[in-house]
Amino acid sequence: MSEAITAIIPPPALTTRAFGLTDRGLVREANEDQFLIAELSKAMRVCQTSLPEPKLQRGEERAHLYLVADGMGGHQAGERASAIAVAAIEHFTLNTFRWFLEPDHSGAQKVLEQFQRAVKDADAQVAQEAAADPLLKGMGTTVTMAFFLATKVCLVHAGDSRAYLHRHGVLQQMTQDHTLVAELVRQGSVREEDVAAHPLRHIITNVVGGPDAGVRVEARAFDVQAGDRMVLCSDGLSEMMTHEQLAQVLATEAEPESAARKLLALALEAGGRDNITVVVVRFDPVTAPAS
């Protein structure tokens, strides 16, 4: 009987701290990356009451949204594409997204379905603006976005920006690169160790906007634990350092801000050949208030 009761007790909720940075790098003339760190909460605005209480009240439950977008296209088109995508997803989250869901499997699936729609809406808006202005033709952007509630992360992704999870000293890439060379690696035609020097490694096969109509949105959900770290970044960071270097920084820099600044510094020291954007998220246990 005790085992059955234990099985239905949900895991303790977690809280998060996050910090993001974006930098032009040392080669590019402009920064076409964007990032977003946002918190969602229930709010009630009291218009009139006979009680002595605040006019604006907020619920205890919090959800968090993290996003990295890496634009592409000349004449500032990449900067425009990434900005359109972030704005479209913000608008969707504020006006369409239904996030007051139980943090179980069915709730996660509903969240993923909604954010897949949000990315597709952003794709349509980028394509619409590109069609209206010849200077913006073919512009596009990657989107890697994570939604966190209670103990679960819902991740949606298109392009070659990345999401990583660091747990107990082990770093795991949680997204697939949507590039030609990555596809060849998955097919067994190219070895993983040859990717860094491959002449076609920068050809992206799936983005929001871009020269081809439609976007394929990768989606997955996973649980996180206290002490975990999550990193979202553009390829300007991931291409400038090894898997081991990234893991070492997350293992030694406990605070999201110090980790993000260290990662940016390492990418710049390695050459900073592209725009660099990184968001570091730390998951901690919720501490009970003092009695």
C-alpha atoms as a PDB file:
ATOM      1  CA  MET A   1       0.000   0.000   0.000  1.00  0.00           C
ATOM      2  CA  SER A   2       2.812   2.429   0.890  1.00  0.00           C
ATOM      3  CA  GLU A   3       4.505   1.765  -2.469  1.00  0.00           C
ATOM      4  CA  ALA A   4       1.337   2.687  -4.369  1.00  0.00           C
ATOM      5  CA  ILE A   5       1.014   5.913  -2.417  1.00  0.00           C
ATOM      6  CA  THR A   6       4.653   6.809  -3.028  1.00  0.00           C
ATOM      7  CA  ALA A   7       4.266   6.216  -6.764  1.00  0.00           C
ATOM      8  CA  ILE A   8       1.648   8.909  -7.204  1.00  0.00           C
ATOM      9  CA  ILE A   9       3.408  11.598  -5.184  1.00  0.00           C
ATOM     10  CA  PRO A  10       4.780  14.124  -7.694  1.00  0.00           C
ATOM     11  CA  PRO A  11       8.459  15.071  -7.510  1.00  0.00           C
ATOM     12  CA  PRO A  12       9.225  18.300  -5.655  1.00  0.00           C
ATOM     13  CA  ALA A  13       8.967  21.421  -7.767  1.00  0.00           C
ATOM     14  CA  LEU A  14      12.110  23.247  -8.804  1.00  0.00           C
ATOM     15  CA  THR A  15      12.996  26.883  -9.162  1.00  0.00           C
ATOM     16  CA  THR A  16      15.365  28.375 -11.713  1.00  0.00           C
ATOM     17  CA  ARG A  17      17.932  31.076 -12.209  1.00  0.00           C
ATOM     18  CA  ALA A  18      19.027  32.075 -15.699  1.00  0.00           C
ATOM     19  CA  PHE A  19      21.332  34.499 -17.458  1.00  0.00           C
ATOM     20  CA  GLY A  20      21.851  35.257 -21.144  1.00  0.00           C
ATOM     21  CA  LEU A  21      24.430  37.088 -23.263  1.00  0.00           C
ATOM     22  CA  THR A  22      24.788  37.905 -26.944  1.00  0.00           C
ATOM     23  CA  ASP A  23      27.851  39.312 -28.709  1.00  0.00           C
ATOM     24  CA  ARG A  24      28.711  40.306 -32.284  1.00  0.00           C
ATOM     25  CA  GLY A  25      31.932  38.312 -32.158  1.00  0.00           C
ATOM     26  CA  LEU A  26      35.234  39.354 -33.717  1.00  0.00           C
ATOM     27  CA  VAL A  27      34.480  38.918 -37.425  1.00  0.00           C
ATOM     28  CA  ARG A  28      30.843  39.739 -38.223  1.00  0.00           C
ATOM     29  CA  GLU A  29      29.812  43.352 -38.829  1.00  0.00           C
ATOM     30  CA  ALA A  30      26.410  42.971 -37.135  1.00  0.00           C
ATOM     31  CA  ASN A  31      24.774  40.741 -34.568  1.00  0.00           C
ATOM     32  CA  GLU A  32      21.928  38.698 -36.062  1.00  0.00           C
ATOM     33  CA  ASP A  33      21.298  36.637 -32.904  1.00  0.00           C
ATOM     34  CA  GLN A  34      18.466  37.203 -30.428  1.00  0.00           C
ATOM     35  CA  PHE A  35      17.622  35.625 -27.082  1.00  0.00           C
ATOM     36  CA  LEU A  36      14.766  35.702 -24.592  1.00  0.00           C
ATOM     37  CA  ILE A  37      14.400  34.838 -20.901  1.00  0.00           C
ATOM     38  CA  ALA A  38      10.830  35.255 -19.646  1.00  0.00           C
ATOM     39  CA  GLU A  39       8.659  34.282 -16.691  1.00  0.00           C
ATOM     40  CA  LEU A  40       4.959  33.431 -16.890  1.00  0.00           C
ATOM     41  CA  SER A  41       2.630  33.795 -13.925  1.00  0.00           C
ATOM     42  CA  LYS A  42      -1.048  34.012 -13.116  1.00  0.00           C
ATOM     43  CA  ALA A  43      -2.152  37.542 -12.276  1.00  0.00           C
ATOM     44  CA  MET A  44      -5.380  39.142 -11.044  1.00  0.00           C
ATOM     45  CA  ARG A  45      -6.029  42.875 -11.193  1.00  0.00           C
ATOM     46  CA  VAL A  46      -8.594  43.917  -8.590  1.00  0.00           C
ATOM     47  CA  CYS A  47     -10.811  46.691  -9.965  1.00  0.00           C
ATOM     48  CA  GLN A  48     -12.893  47.255  -6.816  1.00  0.00           C
ATOM     49  CA  THR A  49     -13.073  45.561  -3.440  1.00  0.00           C
ATOM     50  CA  SER A  50     -14.159  46.254   0.104  1.00  0.00           C
ATOM     51  CA  LEU A  51     -11.082  44.456   1.402  1.00  0.00           C
ATOM     52  CA  PRO A  52      -7.725  46.085   2.189  1.00  0.00           C
ATOM     53  CA  GLU A  53      -5.687  44.097  -0.352  1.00  0.00           C
ATOM     54  CA  PRO A  54      -3.303  44.780  -3.247  1.00  0.00           C
ATOM     55  CA  LYS A  55      -4.817  45.828  -6.558  1.00  0.00           C
ATOM     56  CA  LEU A  56      -2.532  43.432  -8.425  1.00  0.00           C
ATOM     57  CA  GLN A  57      -2.156  39.907  -7.114  1.00  0.00           C
ATOM     58  CA  ARG A  58       0.001  37.132  -8.577  1.00  0.00           C
ATOM     59  CA  GLY A  59      -0.325  33.388  -8.202  1.00  0.00           C
ATOM     60  CA  GLU A  60       2.438  31.244  -6.746  1.00  0.00           C
ATOM     61  CA  GLU A  61       2.951  29.090  -9.845  1.00  0.00           C
ATOM     62  CA  ARG A  62       5.645  30.212 -12.267  1.00  0.00           C
ATOM     63  CA  ALA A  63       6.676  28.966 -15.671  1.00  0.00           C
ATOM     64  CA  HIS A  64       9.761  30.025 -17.606  1.00  0.00           C
ATOM     65  CA  LEU A  65      10.580  30.470 -21.266  1.00  0.00           C
ATOM     66  CA  TYR A  66      14.081  30.497 -22.769  1.00  0.00           C
ATOM     67  CA  LEU A  67      14.833  31.086 -26.444  1.00  0.00           C
ATOM     68  CA  VAL A  68      17.810  31.538 -28.773  1.00  0.00           C
ATOM     69  CA  ALA A  69      17.435  32.571 -32.427  1.00  0.00           C
ATOM     70  CA  ASP A  70      20.311  32.844 -34.918  1.00  0.00           C
ATOM     71  CA  GLY A  71      19.350  34.803 -38.017  1.00  0.00           C
ATOM     72  CA  MET A  72      20.748  34.400 -41.514  1.00  0.00           C
ATOM     73  CA  GLY A  73      20.644  36.531 -44.658  1.00  0.00           C
ATOM     74  CA  GLY A  74      22.418  39.593 -46.022  1.00  0.00           C
ATOM     75  CA  HIS A  75      21.529  43.312 -45.724  1.00  0.00           C
ATOM     76  CA  GLN A  76      20.525  42.857 -42.053  1.00  0.00           C
ATOM     77  CA  ALA A  77      17.924  40.289 -43.143  1.00  0.00           C
ATOM     78  CA  GLY A  78      19.153  37.774 -40.553  1.00  0.00           C
ATOM     79  CA  GLU A  79      18.737  40.270 -37.757  1.00  0.00           C
ATOM     80  CA  ARG A  80      15.237  41.010 -38.996  1.00  0.00           C
ATOM     81  CA  ALA A  81      14.302  37.327 -39.289  1.00  0.00           C
ATOM     82  CA  SER A  82      15.402  36.445 -35.754  1.00  0.00           C
ATOM     83  CA  ALA A  83      13.619  39.511 -34.353  1.00  0.00           C
ATOM     84  CA  ILE A  84      10.382  38.594 -36.173  1.00  0.00           C
ATOM     85  CA  ALA A  85      10.544  35.045 -34.842  1.00  0.00           C
ATOM     86  CA  VAL A  86      11.091  36.093 -31.222  1.00  0.00           C
ATOM     87  CA  ALA A  87       8.314  38.707 -31.406  1.00  0.00           C
ATOM     88  CA  ALA A  88       5.917  36.191 -32.973  1.00  0.00           C
ATOM     89  CA  ILE A  89       6.579  33.617 -30.256  1.00  0.00           C
ATOM     90  CA  GLU A  90       6.175  36.259 -27.534  1.00  0.00           C
ATOM     91  CA  HIS A  91       2.832  37.280 -29.047  1.00  0.00           C
ATOM     92  CA  PHE A  92       1.701  33.658 -29.237  1.00  0.00           C
ATOM     93  CA  THR A  93       2.729  33.025 -25.623  1.00  0.00           C
ATOM     94  CA  LEU A  94       0.846  36.076 -24.361  1.00  0.00           C
ATOM     95  CA  ASN A  95      -2.326  35.700 -26.405  1.00  0.00           C
ATOM     96  CA  THR A  96      -2.785  32.064 -27.477  1.00  0.00           C
ATOM     97  CA  PHE A  97      -0.702  29.727 -25.330  1.00  0.00           C
ATOM     98  CA  ARG A  98      -2.547  27.791 -22.608  1.00  0.00           C
ATOM     99  CA  TRP A  99       0.105  26.902 -20.050  1.00  0.00           C
ATOM    100  CA  PHE A 100      -2.039  26.277 -16.971  1.00  0.00           C
ATOM    101  CA  LEU A 101      -1.712  22.525 -17.349  1.00  0.00           C
ATOM    102  CA  GLU A 102      -0.818  19.673 -15.050  1.00  0.00           C
ATOM    103  CA  PRO A 103       2.928  19.013 -15.422  1.00  0.00           C
ATOM    104  CA  ASP A 104       2.409  15.390 -16.491  1.00  0.00           C
ATOM    105  CA  HIS A 105       2.946  13.604 -19.808  1.00  0.00           C
ATOM    106  CA  SER A 106      -0.323  14.745 -21.391  1.00  0.00           C
ATOM    107  CA  GLY A 107       0.312  18.330 -20.272  1.00  0.00           C
ATOM    108  CA  ALA A 108       3.793  18.286 -21.779  1.00  0.00           C
ATOM    109  CA  GLN A 109       2.443  16.977 -25.074  1.00  0.00           C
ATOM    110  CA  LYS A 110      -0.088  19.809 -25.211  1.00  0.00           C
ATOM    111  CA  VAL A 111       2.644  22.352 -24.539  1.00  0.00           C
ATOM    112  CA  LEU A 112       4.826  20.886 -27.284  1.00  0.00           C
ATOM    113  CA  GLU A 113       1.963  20.926 -29.765  1.00  0.00           C
ATOM    114  CA  GLN A 114       1.236  24.565 -28.980  1.00  0.00           C
ATOM    115  CA  PHE A 115       4.841  25.683 -29.342  1.00  0.00           C
ATOM    116  CA  GLN A 116       5.227  23.722 -32.564  1.00  0.00           C
ATOM    117  CA  ARG A 117       2.347  25.828 -33.825  1.00  0.00           C
ATOM    118  CA  ALA A 118       4.047  28.984 -32.510  1.00  0.00           C
ATOM    119  CA  VAL A 119       7.234  28.223 -34.468  1.00  0.00           C
ATOM    120  CA  LYS A 120       5.196  27.517 -37.600  1.00  0.00           C
ATOM    121  CA  ASP A 121       3.377  30.843 -37.134  1.00  0.00           C
ATOM    122  CA  ALA A 122       6.767  32.549 -36.854  1.00  0.00           C
ATOM    123  CA  ASP A 123       7.877  30.769 -40.037  1.00  0.00           C
ATOM    124  CA  ALA A 124       4.850  32.128 -41.886  1.00  0.00           C
ATOM    125  CA  GLN A 125       5.517  35.686 -40.664  1.00  0.00           C
ATOM    126  CA  VAL A 126       9.195  35.585 -41.676  1.00  0.00           C
ATOM    127  CA  ALA A 127       8.261  34.244 -45.101  1.00  0.00           C
ATOM    128  CA  GLN A 128       5.583  36.930 -45.521  1.00  0.00           C
ATOM    129  CA  GLU A 129       7.996  39.777 -44.792  1.00  0.00           C
ATOM    130  CA  ALA A 130      10.667  38.249 -47.017  1.00  0.00           C
ATOM    131  CA  ALA A 131       8.216  38.048 -49.920  1.00  0.00           C
ATOM    132  CA  ALA A 132       7.324  41.731 -49.515  1.00  0.00           C
ATOM    133  CA  ASP A 133      10.899  43.079 -49.677  1.00  0.00           C
ATOM    134  CA  PRO A 134      13.519  41.932 -52.244  1.00  0.00           C
ATOM    135  CA  LEU A 135      16.335  42.827 -49.810  1.00  0.00           C
ATOM    136  CA  LEU A 136      14.947  40.302 -47.328  1.00  0.00           C
ATOM    137  CA  LYS A 137      14.508  37.443 -49.790  1.00  0.00           C
ATOM    138  CA  GLY A 138      15.586  34.105 -48.316  1.00  0.00           C
ATOM    139  CA  MET A 139      16.060  35.411 -44.782  1.00  0.00           C
ATOM    140  CA  GLY A 140      15.632  32.881 -42.014  1.00  0.00           C
ATOM    141  CA  THR A 141      16.515  32.030 -38.451  1.00  0.00           C
ATOM    142  CA  THR A 142      17.115  29.113 -36.153  1.00  0.00           C
ATOM    143  CA  VAL A 143      14.850  28.770 -33.115  1.00  0.00           C
ATOM    144  CA  THR A 144      15.731  26.751 -30.018  1.00  0.00           C
ATOM    145  CA  MET A 145      13.225  27.243 -27.228  1.00  0.00           C
ATOM    146  CA  ALA A 146      12.663  25.637 -23.829  1.00  0.00           C
ATOM    147  CA  PHE A 147       9.561  25.986 -21.625  1.00  0.00           C
ATOM    148  CA  PHE A 148       9.955  24.979 -17.978  1.00  0.00           C
ATOM    149  CA  LEU A 149       7.191  24.231 -15.465  1.00  0.00           C
ATOM    150  CA  ALA A 150       7.515  22.380 -12.125  1.00  0.00           C
ATOM    151  CA  THR A 151      10.112  19.729 -13.054  1.00  0.00           C
ATOM    152  CA  LYS A 152       9.601  19.362 -16.802  1.00  0.00           C
ATOM    153  CA  VAL A 153      11.227  21.025 -19.800  1.00  0.00           C
ATOM    154  CA  CYS A 154       9.412  21.162 -23.134  1.00  0.00           C
ATOM    155  CA  LEU A 155      11.891  21.788 -25.943  1.00  0.00           C
ATOM    156  CA  VAL A 156      11.182  22.817 -29.548  1.00  0.00           C
ATOM    157  CA  HIS A 157      13.874  23.378 -32.118  1.00  0.00           C
ATOM    158  CA  ALA A 158      14.668  24.162 -35.758  1.00  0.00           C
ATOM    159  CA  GLY A 159      18.147  24.799 -37.154  1.00  0.00           C
ATOM    160  CA  ASP A 160      21.656  24.388 -35.764  1.00  0.00           C
ATOM    161  CA  SER A 161      21.471  26.307 -32.513  1.00  0.00           C
ATOM    162  CA  ARG A 162      21.624  23.856 -29.635  1.00  0.00           C
ATOM    163  CA  ALA A 163      20.272  22.898 -26.224  1.00  0.00           C
ATOM    164  CA  TYR A 164      22.448  20.995 -23.742  1.00  0.00           C
ATOM    165  CA  LEU A 165      21.701  19.393 -20.375  1.00  0.00           C
ATOM    166  CA  HIS A 166      24.468  19.060 -17.781  1.00  0.00           C
ATOM    167  CA  ARG A 167      23.873  16.576 -14.957  1.00  0.00           C
ATOM    168  CA  HIS A 168      26.386  15.090 -12.498  1.00  0.00           C
ATOM    169  CA  GLY A 169      29.299  16.170 -14.644  1.00  0.00           C
ATOM    170  CA  VAL A 170      27.882  14.699 -17.864  1.00  0.00           C
ATOM    171  CA  LEU A 171      26.906  16.966 -20.776  1.00  0.00           C
ATOM    172  CA  GLN A 172      24.230  15.784 -23.218  1.00  0.00           C
ATOM    173  CA  GLN A 173      23.137  17.531 -26.409  1.00  0.00           C
ATOM    174  CA  MET A 174      19.327  17.597 -26.333  1.00  0.00           C
ATOM    175  CA  THR A 175      18.760  18.801 -29.918  1.00  0.00           C
ATOM    176  CA  GLN A 176      19.816  17.542 -33.322  1.00  0.00           C
ATOM    177  CA  ASP A 177      21.622  19.861 -35.728  1.00  0.00           C
ATOM    178  CA  HIS A 178      19.504  20.412 -38.817  1.00  0.00           C
ATOM    179  CA  THR A 179      22.445  20.652 -41.202  1.00  0.00           C
ATOM    180  CA  LEU A 180      23.531  18.710 -44.266  1.00  0.00           C
ATOM    181  CA  VAL A 181      26.632  17.325 -42.557  1.00  0.00           C
ATOM    182  CA  ALA A 182      24.697  16.295 -39.446  1.00  0.00           C
ATOM    183  CA  GLU A 183      22.306  14.368 -41.680  1.00  0.00           C
ATOM    184  CA  LEU A 184      25.271  12.649 -43.315  1.00  0.00           C
ATOM    185  CA  VAL A 185      26.637  11.728 -39.881  1.00  0.00           C
ATOM    186  CA  ARG A 186      23.299  10.208 -38.883  1.00  0.00           C
ATOM    187  CA  GLN A 187      23.293   8.237 -42.149  1.00  0.00           C
ATOM    188  CA  GLY A 188      26.823   7.006 -41.486  1.00  0.00           C
ATOM    189  CA  SER A 189      28.330   8.758 -44.533  1.00  0.00           C
ATOM    190  CA  VAL A 190      30.498  11.149 -42.501  1.00  0.00           C
ATOM    191  CA  ARG A 191      32.362  10.454 -39.258  1.00  0.00           C
ATOM    192  CA  GLU A 192      31.648  12.641 -36.237  1.00  0.00           C
ATOM    193  CA  GLU A 193      35.326  13.549 -35.903  1.00  0.00           C
ATOM    194  CA  ASP A 194      35.367  14.915 -39.475  1.00  0.00           C
ATOM    195  CA  VAL A 195      32.475  17.375 -39.017  1.00  0.00           C
ATOM    196  CA  ALA A 196      34.549  20.336 -37.775  1.00  0.00           C
ATOM    197  CA  ALA A 197      36.629  20.432 -40.973  1.00  0.00           C
ATOM    198  CA  HIS A 198      33.902  19.486 -43.443  1.00  0.00           C
ATOM    199  CA  PRO A 199      33.418  22.128 -46.199  1.00  0.00           C
ATOM    200  CA  LEU A 200      29.612  21.759 -46.120  1.00  0.00           C
ATOM    201  CA  ARG A 201      29.161  21.962 -42.346  1.00  0.00           C
ATOM    202  CA  HIS A 202      27.389  25.347 -42.475  1.00  0.00           C
ATOM    203  CA  ILE A 203      24.600  24.307 -44.860  1.00  0.00           C
ATOM    204  CA  ILE A 204      21.403  24.393 -42.781  1.00  0.00           C
ATOM    205  CA  THR A 205      18.551  22.182 -43.988  1.00  0.00           C
ATOM    206  CA  ASN A 206      15.719  23.407 -41.764  1.00  0.00           C
ATOM    207  CA  VAL A 207      15.045  26.921 -40.459  1.00  0.00           C
ATOM    208  CA  VAL A 208      12.240  29.342 -39.690  1.00  0.00           C
ATOM    209  CA  GLY A 209      11.800  31.235 -42.964  1.00  0.00           C
ATOM    210  CA  GLY A 210      14.649  30.649 -45.384  1.00  0.00           C
ATOM    211  CA  PRO A 211      14.533  29.815 -49.087  1.00  0.00           C
ATOM    212  CA  ASP A 212      12.256  26.769 -48.707  1.00  0.00           C
ATOM    213  CA  ALA A 213       8.641  26.897 -47.604  1.00  0.00           C
ATOM    214  CA  GLY A 214       7.680  25.266 -44.318  1.00  0.00           C
ATOM    215  CA  VAL A 215       9.633  24.305 -41.207  1.00  0.00           C
ATOM    216  CA  ARG A 216      10.031  20.978 -39.399  1.00  0.00           C
ATOM    217  CA  VAL A 217       9.838  21.525 -35.657  1.00  0.00           C
ATOM    218  CA  GLU A 218      11.712  19.050 -33.488  1.00  0.00           C
ATOM    219  CA  ALA A 219       9.966  18.589 -30.128  1.00  0.00           C
ATOM    220  CA  ARG A 220      10.697  16.664 -26.955  1.00  0.00           C
ATOM    221  CA  ALA A 221       9.979  16.798 -23.223  1.00  0.00           C
ATOM    222  CA  PHE A 222      12.196  15.668 -20.358  1.00  0.00           C
ATOM    223  CA  ASP A 223      12.413  15.963 -16.579  1.00  0.00           C
ATOM    224  CA  VAL A 224      15.113  17.945 -14.817  1.00  0.00           C
ATOM    225  CA  GLN A 225      16.543  17.551 -11.332  1.00  0.00           C
ATOM    226  CA  ALA A 226      17.947  19.883  -8.729  1.00  0.00           C
ATOM    227  CA  GLY A 227      21.513  20.732  -9.676  1.00  0.00           C
ATOM    228  CA  ASP A 228      20.987  20.336 -13.420  1.00  0.00           C
ATOM    229  CA  ARG A 229      22.174  23.019 -15.833  1.00  0.00           C
ATOM    230  CA  MET A 230      20.697  23.732 -19.244  1.00  0.00           C
ATOM    231  CA  VAL A 231      22.405  25.723 -21.988  1.00  0.00           C
ATOM    232  CA  LEU A 232      20.818  27.183 -25.117  1.00  0.00           C
ATOM    233  CA  CYS A 233      23.289  28.636 -27.602  1.00  0.00           C
ATOM    234  CA  SER A 234      23.893  29.635 -31.193  1.00  0.00           C
ATOM    235  CA  ASP A 235      26.532  27.864 -33.268  1.00  0.00           C
ATOM    236  CA  GLY A 236      28.819  30.852 -32.707  1.00  0.00           C
ATOM    237  CA  LEU A 237      29.401  29.337 -29.267  1.00  0.00           C
ATOM    238  CA  SER A 238      29.201  25.593 -29.956  1.00  0.00           C
ATOM    239  CA  GLU A 239      31.635  25.764 -32.905  1.00  0.00           C
ATOM    240  CA  MET A 240      34.245  27.662 -30.902  1.00  0.00           C
ATOM    241  CA  MET A 241      34.733  25.099 -28.139  1.00  0.00           C
ATOM    242  CA  THR A 242      34.763  21.386 -27.534  1.00  0.00           C
ATOM    243  CA  HIS A 243      32.111  19.371 -25.760  1.00  0.00           C
ATOM    244  CA  GLU A 244      34.601  18.862 -22.934  1.00  0.00           C
ATOM    245  CA  GLN A 245      35.298  22.595 -22.548  1.00  0.00           C
ATOM    246  CA  LEU A 246      31.605  23.380 -22.270  1.00  0.00           C
ATOM    247  CA  ALA A 247      31.107  20.644 -19.681  1.00  0.00           C
ATOM    248  CA  GLN A 248      34.100  21.873 -17.674  1.00  0.00           C
ATOM    249  CA  VAL A 249      32.726  25.417 -17.450  1.00  0.00           C
ATOM    250  CA  LEU A 250      29.321  24.179 -16.262  1.00  0.00           C
ATOM    251  CA  ALA A 251      30.997  21.947 -13.685  1.00  0.00           C
ATOM    252  CA  THR A 252      33.135  24.742 -12.231  1.00  0.00           C
ATOM    253  CA  GLU A 253      30.926  27.854 -12.588  1.00  0.00           C
ATOM    254  CA  ALA A 254      27.919  27.418 -10.318  1.00  0.00           C
ATOM    255  CA  GLU A 255      26.152  30.674 -11.132  1.00  0.00           C
ATOM    256  CA  PRO A 256      24.429  31.085 -14.536  1.00  0.00           C
ATOM    257  CA  GLU A 257      25.910  34.562 -15.044  1.00  0.00           C
ATOM    258  CA  SER A 258      29.492  33.515 -14.357  1.00  0.00           C
ATOM    259  CA  ALA A 259      29.081  30.429 -16.549  1.00  0.00           C
ATOM    260  CA  ALA A 260      27.616  32.456 -19.425  1.00  0.00           C
ATOM    261  CA  ARG A 261      30.376  35.063 -19.230  1.00  0.00           C
ATOM    262  CA  LYS A 262      33.056  32.373 -19.112  1.00  0.00           C
ATOM    263  CA  LEU A 263      31.597  30.591 -22.138  1.00  0.00           C
ATOM    264  CA  LEU A 264      31.432  33.844 -24.103  1.00  0.00           C
ATOM    265  CA  ALA A 265      35.029  34.673 -23.183  1.00  0.00           C
ATOM    266  CA  LEU A 266      36.231  31.254 -24.348  1.00  0.00           C
ATOM    267  CA  ALA A 267      34.378  31.587 -27.664  1.00  0.00           C
ATOM    268  CA  LEU A 268      35.967  34.986 -28.255  1.00  0.00           C
ATOM    269  CA  GLU A 269      39.417  33.681 -27.307  1.00  0.00           C
ATOM    270  CA  ALA A 270      38.959  30.885 -29.852  1.00  0.00           C
ATOM    271  CA  GLY A 271      38.387  33.399 -32.635  1.00  0.00           C
ATOM    272  CA  GLY A 272      34.779  34.575 -32.325  1.00  0.00           C
ATOM    273  CA  ARG A 273      34.117  33.872 -35.999  1.00  0.00           C
ATOM    274  CA  ASP A 274      30.336  34.238 -35.684  1.00  0.00           C
ATOM    275  CA  ASN A 275      27.778  35.961 -33.487  1.00  0.00           C
ATOM    276  CA  ILE A 276      27.741  34.337 -30.056  1.00  0.00           C
ATOM    277  CA  THR A 277      24.640  33.864 -27.917  1.00  0.00           C
ATOM    278  CA  VAL A 278      24.277  31.762 -24.777  1.00  0.00           C
ATOM    279  CA  VAL A 279      21.578  31.280 -22.137  1.00  0.00           C
ATOM    280  CA  VAL A 280      22.500  29.301 -19.012  1.00  0.00           C
ATOM    281  CA  VAL A 281      19.755  27.967 -16.734  1.00  0.00           C
ATOM    282  CA  ARG A 282      20.263  26.458 -13.279  1.00  0.00           C
ATOM    283  CA  PHE A 283      17.601  24.295 -11.599  1.00  0.00           C
ATOM    284  CA  ASP A 284      17.415  24.395  -7.796  1.00  0.00           C
ATOM    285  CA  PRO A 285      15.100  22.907  -5.164  1.00  0.00           C
ATOM    286  CA  VAL A 286      12.339  25.135  -3.870  1.00  0.00           C
ATOM    287  CA  THR A 287      13.262  26.141  -0.315  1.00  0.00           C
ATOM    288  CA  ALA A 288      10.509  26.342   2.268  1.00  0.00           C
ATOM    289  CA  PRO A 289       9.978  29.794   3.805  1.00  0.00           C
ATOM    290  CA  ALA A 290      11.307  30.276   7.320  1.00  0.00           C
ATOM    291  CA  SER A 291       8.708  29.765  10.013  1.00  0.00           C
END
